[in-house]
Each structure stands twice: as C-alpha cells, then as structure tokens.
Amino acid sequence: MTKSEWIVVRWLPVIGWLWLAVWDLYARLLPHRNALSHLPIIGTAGRLLYLGSFAYGLWLLMRQPALPALPSSEVLICGLIGLLVSDSFHWLMDGFPMHW
C-alpha cells in the first residue's frame, strides 16, 4: 500500500478499502510497468474501460431507469487530455518501460 493509499484508508476507511479492492484486481491482471497498463494511450484506455465496467455494474445493481447525463464534450476532452498527459509523465518518469 502506498502512502497516499494509506492516507485515504485512514481518513475514509470504507471508500479507501473499496478503492484498494477495485485496483487490486487490476494490479493482479496487469502488473505495474506492463506495456498494456503503462503505455500512455493503451494504458489510459484500459483503465477507463476497467473503471467504466465497475461504474456500469453499479448502475445495473441500482436498477436505474436511464444512464445519467454525460458532461459536455469539452469537459470530457479536457479530462481525457489530462489523463493522457498524466500517464505520459508517469511513463517518462519510470524510464519508458515496455515489457509484456
């Protein structure tokens, strides 16, 4: 558990442990620095699909009649750019790892 994860678990125990449980499965499926999890575009898309599947599952469990409204396209594009930039810098700081 990283220091930031420990802080979340300590201050928001239920949310923190749920967050760790969700990401533990991802970490077991794709180890850190694996090309599929670490390359900026591929890794970002994979994590979005992974989290999206959990969100969709929760939506189904709550039996909501309709999907919630999405933010505007400008907000979605800015968010995607932010994720891609963040992942790119993470990859850069890790020394461009690419192993399968």
PDB file of N, CA and C in Angstrom:
ATOM      1  N   MET A   1       0.847  -1.170   0.000  1.00  0.00           N
ATOM      2  CA  MET A   1       0.000   0.000   0.000  1.00  0.00           C
ATOM      3  C   MET A   1       0.897   1.239   0.000  1.00  0.00           C
ATOM      4  N   THR A   2       0.599   2.152  -0.895  1.00  0.00           N
ATOM      5  CA  THR A   2       1.382   3.378  -0.966  1.00  0.00           C
ATOM      6  C   THR A   2       0.978   4.337   0.151  1.00  0.00           C
ATOM      7  N   LYS A   3       1.789   5.371   0.342  1.00  0.00           N
ATOM      8  CA  LYS A   3       1.494   6.352   1.385  1.00  0.00           C
ATOM      9  C   LYS A   3       0.155   7.055   1.108  1.00  0.00           C
ATOM     10  N   SER A   4      -0.088   7.434  -0.138  1.00  0.00           N
ATOM     11  CA  SER A   4      -1.341   8.124  -0.458  1.00  0.00           C
ATOM     12  C   SER A   4      -2.540   7.200  -0.259  1.00  0.00           C
ATOM     13  N   GLU A   5      -2.384   5.919  -0.579  1.00  0.00           N
ATOM     14  CA  GLU A   5      -3.474   4.975  -0.342  1.00  0.00           C
ATOM     15  C   GLU A   5      -3.743   4.833   1.157  1.00  0.00           C
ATOM     16  N   TRP A   6      -2.682   4.784   1.940  1.00  0.00           N
ATOM     17  CA  TRP A   6      -2.836   4.667   3.386  1.00  0.00           C
ATOM     18  C   TRP A   6      -3.584   5.875   3.958  1.00  0.00           C
ATOM     19  N   ILE A   7      -3.283   7.061   3.452  1.00  0.00           N
ATOM     20  CA  ILE A   7      -3.964   8.271   3.924  1.00  0.00           C
ATOM     21  C   ILE A   7      -5.463   8.183   3.631  1.00  0.00           C
ATOM     22  N   VAL A   8      -5.823   7.740   2.420  1.00  0.00           N
ATOM     23  CA  VAL A   8      -7.243   7.614   2.070  1.00  0.00           C
ATOM     24  C   VAL A   8      -7.914   6.573   2.963  1.00  0.00           C
ATOM     25  N   VAL A   9      -7.261   5.438   3.183  1.00  0.00           N
ATOM     26  CA  VAL A   9      -7.839   4.392   4.033  1.00  0.00           C
ATOM     27  C   VAL A   9      -8.012   4.903   5.464  1.00  0.00           C
ATOM     28  N   ARG A  10      -7.042   5.666   5.947  1.00  0.00           N
ATOM     29  CA  ARG A  10      -7.110   6.162   7.316  1.00  0.00           C
ATOM     30  C   ARG A  10      -8.234   7.187   7.504  1.00  0.00           C
ATOM     31  N   TRP A  11      -8.394   8.092   6.529  1.00  0.00           N
ATOM     32  CA  TRP A  11      -9.376   9.162   6.683  1.00  0.00           C
ATOM     33  C   TRP A  11     -10.758   8.792   6.160  1.00  0.00           C
ATOM     34  N   LEU A  12     -10.824   7.927   5.173  1.00  0.00           N
ATOM     35  CA  LEU A  12     -12.106   7.485   4.601  1.00  0.00           C
ATOM     36  C   LEU A  12     -12.078   5.966   4.482  1.00  0.00           C
ATOM     37  N   PRO A  13     -12.181   5.253   5.599  1.00  0.00           N
ATOM     38  CA  PRO A  13     -11.940   3.804   5.598  1.00  0.00           C
ATOM     39  C   PRO A  13     -12.771   3.011   4.590  1.00  0.00           C
ATOM     40  N   VAL A  14     -14.064   3.225   4.532  1.00  0.00           N
ATOM     41  CA  VAL A  14     -14.907   2.428   3.639  1.00  0.00           C
ATOM     42  C   VAL A  14     -14.534   2.691   2.184  1.00  0.00           C
ATOM     43  N   ILE A  15     -14.460   3.955   1.823  1.00  0.00           N
ATOM     44  CA  ILE A  15     -14.099   4.319   0.450  1.00  0.00           C
ATOM     45  C   ILE A  15     -12.681   3.844   0.135  1.00  0.00           C
ATOM     46  N   GLY A  16     -11.766   4.026   1.077  1.00  0.00           N
ATOM     47  CA  GLY A  16     -10.372   3.622   0.857  1.00  0.00           C
ATOM     48  C   GLY A  16     -10.227   2.138   0.599  1.00  0.00           C
ATOM     49  N   TRP A  17     -10.883   1.309   1.416  1.00  0.00           N
ATOM     50  CA  TRP A  17     -10.772  -0.139   1.218  1.00  0.00           C
ATOM     51  C   TRP A  17     -11.471  -0.591  -0.053  1.00  0.00           C
ATOM     52  N   LEU A  18     -12.588   0.039  -0.405  1.00  0.00           N
ATOM     53  CA  LEU A  18     -13.235  -0.286  -1.680  1.00  0.00           C
ATOM     54  C   LEU A  18     -12.343   0.075  -2.861  1.00  0.00           C
ATOM     55  N   TRP A  19     -11.721   1.249  -2.773  1.00  0.00           N
ATOM     56  CA  TRP A  19     -10.807   1.697  -3.824  1.00  0.00           C
ATOM     57  C   TRP A  19      -9.658   0.700  -3.994  1.00  0.00           C
ATOM     58  N   LEU A  20      -9.068   0.271  -2.875  1.00  0.00           N
ATOM     59  CA  LEU A  20      -7.978  -0.701  -2.930  1.00  0.00           C
ATOM     60  C   LEU A  20      -8.442  -2.036  -3.508  1.00  0.00           C
ATOM     61  N   ALA A  21      -9.645  -2.461  -3.157  1.00  0.00           N
ATOM     62  CA  ALA A  21     -10.160  -3.728  -3.673  1.00  0.00           C
ATOM     63  C   ALA A  21     -10.340  -3.672  -5.187  1.00  0.00           C
ATOM     64  N   VAL A  22     -10.876  -2.572  -5.680  1.00  0.00           N
ATOM     65  CA  VAL A  22     -11.076  -2.427  -7.128  1.00  0.00           C
ATOM     66  C   VAL A  22      -9.733  -2.445  -7.850  1.00  0.00           C
ATOM     67  N   TRP A  23      -8.758  -1.688  -7.350  1.00  0.00           N
ATOM     68  CA  TRP A  23      -7.471  -1.601  -8.038  1.00  0.00           C
ATOM     69  C   TRP A  23      -6.585  -2.816  -7.808  1.00  0.00           C
ATOM     70  N   ASP A  24      -6.823  -3.586  -6.737  1.00  0.00           N
ATOM     71  CA  ASP A  24      -6.052  -4.802  -6.524  1.00  0.00           C
ATOM     72  C   ASP A  24      -6.315  -5.800  -7.650  1.00  0.00           C
ATOM     73  N   LEU A  25      -7.563  -5.932  -8.059  1.00  0.00           N
ATOM     74  CA  LEU A  25      -7.893  -6.818  -9.174  1.00  0.00           C
ATOM     75  C   LEU A  25      -7.176  -6.381 -10.447  1.00  0.00           C
ATOM     76  N   TYR A  26      -7.178  -5.092 -10.722  1.00  0.00           N
ATOM     77  CA  TYR A  26      -6.482  -4.570 -11.905  1.00  0.00           C
ATOM     78  C   TYR A  26      -4.980  -4.877 -11.836  1.00  0.00           C
ATOM     79  N   ALA A  27      -4.386  -4.674 -10.656  1.00  0.00           N
ATOM     80  CA  ALA A  27      -2.948  -4.923 -10.490  1.00  0.00           C
ATOM     81  C   ALA A  27      -2.617  -6.397 -10.682  1.00  0.00           C
ATOM     82  N   ARG A  28      -3.518  -7.278 -10.299  1.00  0.00           N
ATOM     83  CA  ARG A  28      -3.273  -8.713 -10.499  1.00  0.00           C
ATOM     84  C   ARG A  28      -3.405  -9.102 -11.966  1.00  0.00           C
ATOM     85  N   LEU A  29      -4.314  -8.444 -12.676  1.00  0.00           N
ATOM     86  CA  LEU A  29      -4.494  -8.732 -14.099  1.00  0.00           C
ATOM     87  C   LEU A  29      -3.340  -8.193 -14.949  1.00  0.00           C
ATOM     88  N   LEU A  30      -2.887  -6.981 -14.632  1.00  0.00           N
ATOM     89  CA  LEU A  30      -1.819  -6.334 -15.389  1.00  0.00           C
ATOM     90  C   LEU A  30      -0.777  -5.766 -14.425  1.00  0.00           C
ATOM     91  N   PRO A  31       0.344  -6.439 -14.272  1.00  0.00           N
ATOM     92  CA  PRO A  31       1.359  -5.945 -13.336  1.00  0.00           C
ATOM     93  C   PRO A  31       1.862  -4.559 -13.722  1.00  0.00           C
ATOM     94  N   HIS A  32       2.330  -3.817 -12.712  1.00  0.00           N
ATOM     95  CA  HIS A  32       2.862  -2.477 -12.940  1.00  0.00           C
ATOM     96  C   HIS A  32       4.027  -2.540 -13.923  1.00  0.00           C
ATOM     97  N   ARG A  33       4.082  -1.572 -14.801  1.00  0.00           N
ATOM     98  CA  ARG A  33       5.079  -1.419 -15.855  1.00  0.00           C
ATOM     99  C   ARG A  33       4.911  -2.404 -17.006  1.00  0.00           C
ATOM    100  N   ASN A  34       3.792  -3.100 -17.050  1.00  0.00           N
ATOM    101  CA  ASN A  34       3.474  -3.910 -18.205  1.00  0.00           C
ATOM    102  C   ASN A  34       3.065  -2.953 -19.318  1.00  0.00           C
ATOM    103  N   ALA A  35       3.402  -3.277 -20.559  1.00  0.00           N
ATOM    104  CA  ALA A  35       3.104  -2.372 -21.673  1.00  0.00           C
ATOM    105  C   ALA A  35       1.606  -2.067 -21.774  1.00  0.00           C
ATOM    106  N   LEU A  36       0.759  -3.054 -21.517  1.00  0.00           N
ATOM    107  CA  LEU A  36      -0.684  -2.814 -21.634  1.00  0.00           C
ATOM    108  C   LEU A  36      -1.213  -1.888 -20.550  1.00  0.00           C
ATOM    109  N   SER A  37      -0.540  -1.834 -19.417  1.00  0.00           N
ATOM    110  CA  SER A  37      -1.021  -0.964 -18.347  1.00  0.00           C
ATOM    111  C   SER A  37      -0.287   0.365 -18.301  1.00  0.00           C
ATOM    112  N   HIS A  38       0.852   0.449 -18.982  1.00  0.00           N
ATOM    113  CA  HIS A  38       1.715   1.605 -18.779  1.00  0.00           C
ATOM    114  C   HIS A  38       1.849   2.543 -19.977  1.00  0.00           C
ATOM    115  N   LEU A  39       1.633   2.040 -21.168  1.00  0.00           N
ATOM    116  CA  LEU A  39       1.745   2.923 -22.329  1.00  0.00           C
ATOM    117  C   LEU A  39       0.649   3.984 -22.267  1.00  0.00           C
ATOM    118  N   PRO A  40       0.979   5.235 -22.540  1.00  0.00           N
ATOM    119  CA  PRO A  40       0.012   6.322 -22.340  1.00  0.00           C
ATOM    120  C   PRO A  40      -1.364   6.123 -22.957  1.00  0.00           C
ATOM    121  N   ILE A  41      -1.498   5.838 -24.212  1.00  0.00           N
ATOM    122  CA  ILE A  41      -2.826   5.742 -24.813  1.00  0.00           C
ATOM    123  C   ILE A  41      -3.482   4.407 -24.470  1.00  0.00           C
ATOM    124  N   ILE A  42      -2.749   3.319 -24.601  1.00  0.00           N
ATOM    125  CA  ILE A  42      -3.290   1.990 -24.326  1.00  0.00           C
ATOM    126  C   ILE A  42      -3.645   1.846 -22.843  1.00  0.00           C
ATOM    127  N   GLY A  43      -2.739   2.247 -21.965  1.00  0.00           N
ATOM    128  CA  GLY A  43      -2.981   2.144 -20.527  1.00  0.00           C
ATOM    129  C   GLY A  43      -4.142   3.003 -20.065  1.00  0.00           C
ATOM    130  N   THR A  44      -4.218   4.219 -20.596  1.00  0.00           N
ATOM    131  CA  THR A  44      -5.314   5.122 -20.238  1.00  0.00           C
ATOM    132  C   THR A  44      -6.654   4.528 -20.665  1.00  0.00           C
ATOM    133  N   ALA A  45      -6.709   4.045 -21.895  1.00  0.00           N
ATOM    134  CA  ALA A  45      -7.956   3.447 -22.395  1.00  0.00           C
ATOM    135  C   ALA A  45      -8.329   2.214 -21.573  1.00  0.00           C
ATOM    136  N   GLY A  46      -7.346   1.400 -21.243  1.00  0.00           N
ATOM    137  CA  GLY A  46      -7.615   0.199 -20.448  1.00  0.00           C
ATOM    138  C   GLY A  46      -8.164   0.527 -19.070  1.00  0.00           C
ATOM    139  N   ARG A  47      -7.574   1.516 -18.404  1.00  0.00           N
ATOM    140  CA  ARG A  47      -8.062   1.901 -17.077  1.00  0.00           C
ATOM    141  C   ARG A  47      -9.452   2.522 -17.154  1.00  0.00           C
ATOM    142  N   LEU A  48      -9.715   3.303 -18.187  1.00  0.00           N
ATOM    143  CA  LEU A  48     -11.054   3.881 -18.349  1.00  0.00           C
ATOM    144  C   LEU A  48     -12.097   2.786 -18.589  1.00  0.00           C
ATOM    145  N   LEU A  49     -11.761   1.800 -19.407  1.00  0.00           N
ATOM    146  CA  LEU A  49     -12.676   0.681 -19.634  1.00  0.00           C
ATOM    147  C   LEU A  49     -12.881  -0.130 -18.357  1.00  0.00           C
ATOM    148  N   TYR A  50     -11.800  -0.351 -17.618  1.00  0.00           N
ATOM    149  CA  TYR A  50     -11.877  -1.112 -16.369  1.00  0.00           C
ATOM    150  C   TYR A  50     -12.786  -0.400 -15.366  1.00  0.00           C
ATOM    151  N   LEU A  51     -12.544   0.894 -15.128  1.00  0.00           N
ATOM    152  CA  LEU A  51     -13.386   1.649 -14.189  1.00  0.00           C
ATOM    153  C   LEU A  51     -14.808   1.804 -14.710  1.00  0.00           C
ATOM    154  N   GLY A  52     -14.933   1.977 -16.021  1.00  0.00           N
ATOM    155  CA  GLY A  52     -16.256   2.093 -16.622  1.00  0.00           C
ATOM    156  C   GLY A  52     -17.080   0.833 -16.420  1.00  0.00           C
ATOM    157  N   SER A  53     -16.431  -0.333 -16.464  1.00  0.00           N
ATOM    158  CA  SER A  53     -17.166  -1.577 -16.246  1.00  0.00           C
ATOM    159  C   SER A  53     -17.682  -1.654 -14.806  1.00  0.00           C
ATOM    160  N   PHE A  54     -16.887  -1.176 -13.840  1.00  0.00           N
ATOM    161  CA  PHE A  54     -17.362  -1.139 -12.458  1.00  0.00           C
ATOM    162  C   PHE A  54     -18.521  -0.155 -12.305  1.00  0.00           C
ATOM    163  N   ALA A  55     -18.398   1.001 -12.927  1.00  0.00           N
ATOM    164  CA  ALA A  55     -19.464   2.001 -12.841  1.00  0.00           C
ATOM    165  C   ALA A  55     -20.750   1.461 -13.472  1.00  0.00           C
ATOM    166  N   TYR A  56     -20.623   0.782 -14.592  1.00  0.00           N
ATOM    167  CA  TYR A  56     -21.794   0.208 -15.255  1.00  0.00           C
ATOM    168  C   TYR A  56     -22.417  -0.888 -14.383  1.00  0.00           C
ATOM    169  N   GLY A  57     -21.576  -1.697 -13.758  1.00  0.00           N
ATOM    170  CA  GLY A  57     -22.075  -2.729 -12.851  1.00  0.00           C
ATOM    171  C   GLY A  57     -22.845  -2.138 -11.681  1.00  0.00           C
ATOM    172  N   LEU A  58     -22.319  -1.058 -11.104  1.00  0.00           N
ATOM    173  CA  LEU A  58     -23.030  -0.379 -10.015  1.00  0.00           C
ATOM    174  C   LEU A  58     -24.356   0.196 -10.496  1.00  0.00           C
ATOM    175  N   TRP A  59     -24.339   0.758 -11.682  1.00  0.00           N
ATOM    176  CA  TRP A  59     -25.557   1.315 -12.260  1.00  0.00           C
ATOM    177  C   TRP A  59     -26.610   0.219 -12.429  1.00  0.00           C
ATOM    178  N   LEU A  60     -26.185  -0.958 -12.893  1.00  0.00           N
ATOM    179  CA  LEU A  60     -27.113  -2.071 -13.047  1.00  0.00           C
ATOM    180  C   LEU A  60     -27.641  -2.540 -11.693  1.00  0.00           C
ATOM    181  N   LEU A  61     -26.773  -2.590 -10.684  1.00  0.00           N
ATOM    182  CA  LEU A  61     -27.199  -3.012  -9.345  1.00  0.00           C
ATOM    183  C   LEU A  61     -28.223  -2.064  -8.743  1.00  0.00           C
ATOM    184  N   MET A  62     -28.086  -0.780  -9.039  1.00  0.00           N
ATOM    185  CA  MET A  62     -29.023   0.206  -8.500  1.00  0.00           C
ATOM    186  C   MET A  62     -30.312   0.265  -9.303  1.00  0.00           C
ATOM    187  N   ARG A  63     -30.353  -0.451 -10.431  1.00  0.00           N
ATOM    188  CA  ARG A  63     -31.545  -0.539 -11.285  1.00  0.00           C
ATOM    189  C   ARG A  63     -32.071   0.831 -11.704  1.00  0.00           C
ATOM    190  N   GLN A  64     -31.163   1.652 -12.142  1.00  0.00           N
ATOM    191  CA  GLN A  64     -31.550   2.989 -12.589  1.00  0.00           C
ATOM    192  C   GLN A  64     -32.237   2.887 -13.956  1.00  0.00           C
ATOM    193  N   PRO A  65     -33.278   3.678 -14.191  1.00  0.00           N
ATOM    194  CA  PRO A  65     -34.027   3.561 -15.445  1.00  0.00           C
ATOM    195  C   PRO A  65     -33.271   4.084 -16.660  1.00  0.00           C
ATOM    196  N   ALA A  66     -32.376   5.029 -16.489  1.00  0.00           N
ATOM    197  CA  ALA A  66     -31.667   5.598 -17.638  1.00  0.00           C
ATOM    198  C   ALA A  66     -30.246   5.957 -17.217  1.00  0.00           C
ATOM    199  N   LEU A  67     -29.368   5.969 -18.188  1.00  0.00           N
ATOM    200  CA  LEU A  67     -27.993   6.377 -17.901  1.00  0.00           C
ATOM    201  C   LEU A  67     -27.960   7.847 -17.514  1.00  0.00           C
ATOM    202  N   PRO A  68     -27.110   8.207 -16.574  1.00  0.00           N
ATOM    203  CA  PRO A  68     -27.023   9.628 -16.219  1.00  0.00           C
ATOM    204  C   PRO A  68     -26.452  10.435 -17.383  1.00  0.00           C
ATOM    205  N   ALA A  69     -26.748  11.708 -17.392  1.00  0.00           N
ATOM    206  CA  ALA A  69     -26.249  12.587 -18.454  1.00  0.00           C
ATOM    207  C   ALA A  69     -24.741  12.715 -18.345  1.00  0.00           C
ATOM    208  N   LEU A  70     -24.083  12.664 -19.479  1.00  0.00           N
ATOM    209  CA  LEU A  70     -22.634  12.844 -19.516  1.00  0.00           C
ATOM    210  C   LEU A  70     -22.294  14.329 -19.505  1.00  0.00           C
ATOM    211  N   PRO A  71     -21.103  14.666 -19.015  1.00  0.00           N
ATOM    212  CA  PRO A  71     -20.676  16.063 -19.093  1.00  0.00           C
ATOM    213  C   PRO A  71     -20.543  16.490 -20.559  1.00  0.00           C
ATOM    214  N   SER A  72     -20.372  17.769 -20.777  1.00  0.00           N
ATOM    215  CA  SER A  72     -20.223  18.269 -22.143  1.00  0.00           C
ATOM    216  C   SER A  72     -18.976  17.675 -22.797  1.00  0.00           C
ATOM    217  N   SER A  73     -18.957  17.709 -24.114  1.00  0.00           N
ATOM    218  CA  SER A  73     -17.814  17.142 -24.843  1.00  0.00           C
ATOM    219  C   SER A  73     -16.528  17.884 -24.497  1.00  0.00           C
ATOM    220  N   GLU A  74     -16.606  19.182 -24.227  1.00  0.00           N
ATOM    221  CA  GLU A  74     -15.398  19.936 -23.865  1.00  0.00           C
ATOM    222  C   GLU A  74     -14.820  19.433 -22.545  1.00  0.00           C
ATOM    223  N   VAL A  75     -15.677  19.152 -21.576  1.00  0.00           N
ATOM    224  CA  VAL A  75     -15.219  18.644 -20.284  1.00  0.00           C
ATOM    225  C   VAL A  75     -14.606  17.254 -20.458  1.00  0.00           C
ATOM    226  N   LEU A  76     -15.248  16.399 -21.252  1.00  0.00           N
ATOM    227  CA  LEU A  76     -14.721  15.056 -21.491  1.00  0.00           C
ATOM    228  C   LEU A  76     -13.361  15.106 -22.191  1.00  0.00           C
ATOM    229  N   ILE A  77     -13.219  15.979 -23.180  1.00  0.00           N
ATOM    230  CA  ILE A  77     -11.946  16.095 -23.907  1.00  0.00           C
ATOM    231  C   ILE A  77     -10.854  16.615 -22.988  1.00  0.00           C
ATOM    232  N   CYS A  78     -11.152  17.621 -22.196  1.00  0.00           N
ATOM    233  CA  CYS A  78     -10.156  18.152 -21.248  1.00  0.00           C
ATOM    234  C   CYS A  78      -9.751  17.090 -20.237  1.00  0.00           C
ATOM    235  N   GLY A  79     -10.710  16.327 -19.738  1.00  0.00           N
ATOM    236  CA  GLY A  79     -10.404  15.252 -18.799  1.00  0.00           C
ATOM    237  C   GLY A  79      -9.536  14.183 -19.430  1.00  0.00           C
ATOM    238  N   LEU A  80      -9.839  13.810 -20.665  1.00  0.00           N
ATOM    239  CA  LEU A  80      -9.042  12.802 -21.372  1.00  0.00           C
ATOM    240  C   LEU A  80      -7.628  13.305 -21.616  1.00  0.00           C
ATOM    241  N   ILE A  81      -7.481  14.551 -22.021  1.00  0.00           N
ATOM    242  CA  ILE A  81      -6.146  15.131 -22.227  1.00  0.00           C
ATOM    243  C   ILE A  81      -5.371  15.124 -20.917  1.00  0.00           C
ATOM    244  N   GLY A  82      -6.033  15.485 -19.820  1.00  0.00           N
ATOM    245  CA  GLY A  82      -5.376  15.466 -18.515  1.00  0.00           C
ATOM    246  C   GLY A  82      -4.891  14.082 -18.142  1.00  0.00           C
ATOM    247  N   LEU A  83      -5.717  13.063 -18.383  1.00  0.00           N
ATOM    248  CA  LEU A  83      -5.302  11.689 -18.093  1.00  0.00           C
ATOM    249  C   LEU A  83      -4.129  11.263 -18.964  1.00  0.00           C
ATOM    250  N   LEU A  84      -4.178  11.609 -20.244  1.00  0.00           N
ATOM    251  CA  LEU A  84      -3.092  11.235 -21.155  1.00  0.00           C
ATOM    252  C   LEU A  84      -1.778  11.923 -20.785  1.00  0.00           C
ATOM    253  N   VAL A  85      -1.833  13.191 -20.426  1.00  0.00           N
ATOM    254  CA  VAL A  85      -0.625  13.913 -20.023  1.00  0.00           C
ATOM    255  C   VAL A  85      -0.066  13.304 -18.739  1.00  0.00           C
ATOM    256  N   SER A  86      -0.933  13.038 -17.779  1.00  0.00           N
ATOM    257  CA  SER A  86      -0.506  12.434 -16.520  1.00  0.00           C
ATOM    258  C   SER A  86       0.148  11.070 -16.759  1.00  0.00           C
ATOM    259  N   ASP A  87      -0.499  10.230 -17.569  1.00  0.00           N
ATOM    260  CA  ASP A  87       0.073   8.915 -17.866  1.00  0.00           C
ATOM    261  C   ASP A  87       1.389   9.021 -18.624  1.00  0.00           C
ATOM    262  N   SER A  88       1.480   9.988 -19.523  1.00  0.00           N
ATOM    263  CA  SER A  88       2.727  10.174 -20.280  1.00  0.00           C
ATOM    264  C   SER A  88       3.877  10.556 -19.357  1.00  0.00           C
ATOM    265  N   PHE A  89       3.630  11.466 -18.421  1.00  0.00           N
ATOM    266  CA  PHE A  89       4.688  11.847 -17.481  1.00  0.00           C
ATOM    267  C   PHE A  89       5.041  10.699 -16.540  1.00  0.00           C
ATOM    268  N   HIS A  90       4.061   9.920 -16.137  1.00  0.00           N
ATOM    269  CA  HIS A  90       4.329   8.748 -15.301  1.00  0.00           C
ATOM    270  C   HIS A  90       5.241   7.780 -16.051  1.00  0.00           C
ATOM    271  N   TRP A  91       4.921   7.521 -17.309  1.00  0.00           N
ATOM    272  CA  TRP A  91       5.718   6.621 -18.148  1.00  0.00           C
ATOM    273  C   TRP A  91       7.131   7.179 -18.316  1.00  0.00           C
ATOM    274  N   LEU A  92       7.248   8.485 -18.563  1.00  0.00           N
ATOM    275  CA  LEU A  92       8.544   9.142 -18.700  1.00  0.00           C
ATOM    276  C   LEU A  92       9.368   9.005 -17.422  1.00  0.00           C
ATOM    277  N   MET A  93       8.762   9.270 -16.269  1.00  0.00           N
ATOM    278  CA  MET A  93       9.483   9.203 -15.001  1.00  0.00           C
ATOM    279  C   MET A  93       9.895   7.774 -14.642  1.00  0.00           C
ATOM    280  N   ASP A  94       9.150   6.771 -15.145  1.00  0.00           N
ATOM    281  CA  ASP A  94       9.527   5.381 -14.919  1.00  0.00           C
ATOM    282  C   ASP A  94      10.584   4.900 -15.903  1.00  0.00           C
ATOM    283  N   GLY A  95      11.011   5.733 -16.826  1.00  0.00           N
ATOM    284  CA  GLY A  95      12.074   5.378 -17.763  1.00  0.00           C
ATOM    285  C   GLY A  95      11.597   4.652 -19.007  1.00  0.00           C
ATOM    286  N   PHE A  96      10.390   4.933 -19.483  1.00  0.00           N
ATOM    287  CA  PHE A  96       9.822   4.355 -20.699  1.00  0.00           C
ATOM    288  C   PHE A  96       9.771   2.824 -20.668  1.00  0.00           C
ATOM    289  N   PRO A  97       9.309   2.210 -19.585  1.00  0.00           N
ATOM    290  CA  PRO A  97       9.281   0.736 -19.564  1.00  0.00           C
ATOM    291  C   PRO A  97       8.250   0.178 -20.542  1.00  0.00           C
ATOM    292  N   MET A  98       8.610  -0.910 -21.199  1.00  0.00           N
ATOM    293  CA  MET A  98       7.700  -1.596 -22.123  1.00  0.00           C
ATOM    294  C   MET A  98       8.039  -3.068 -22.140  1.00  0.00           C
ATOM    295  N   HIS A  99       7.512  -3.825 -21.224  1.00  0.00           N
ATOM    296  CA  HIS A  99       7.689  -5.272 -21.289  1.00  0.00           C
ATOM    297  C   HIS A  99       6.330  -5.927 -21.227  1.00  0.00           C
ATOM    298  N   TRP A 100       6.235  -7.054 -21.876  1.00  0.00           N
ATOM    299  CA  TRP A 100       4.961  -7.783 -21.970  1.00  0.00           C
ATOM    300  C   TRP A 100       5.021  -8.832 -20.931  1.00  0.00           C
TER     301      TRP A 100
END
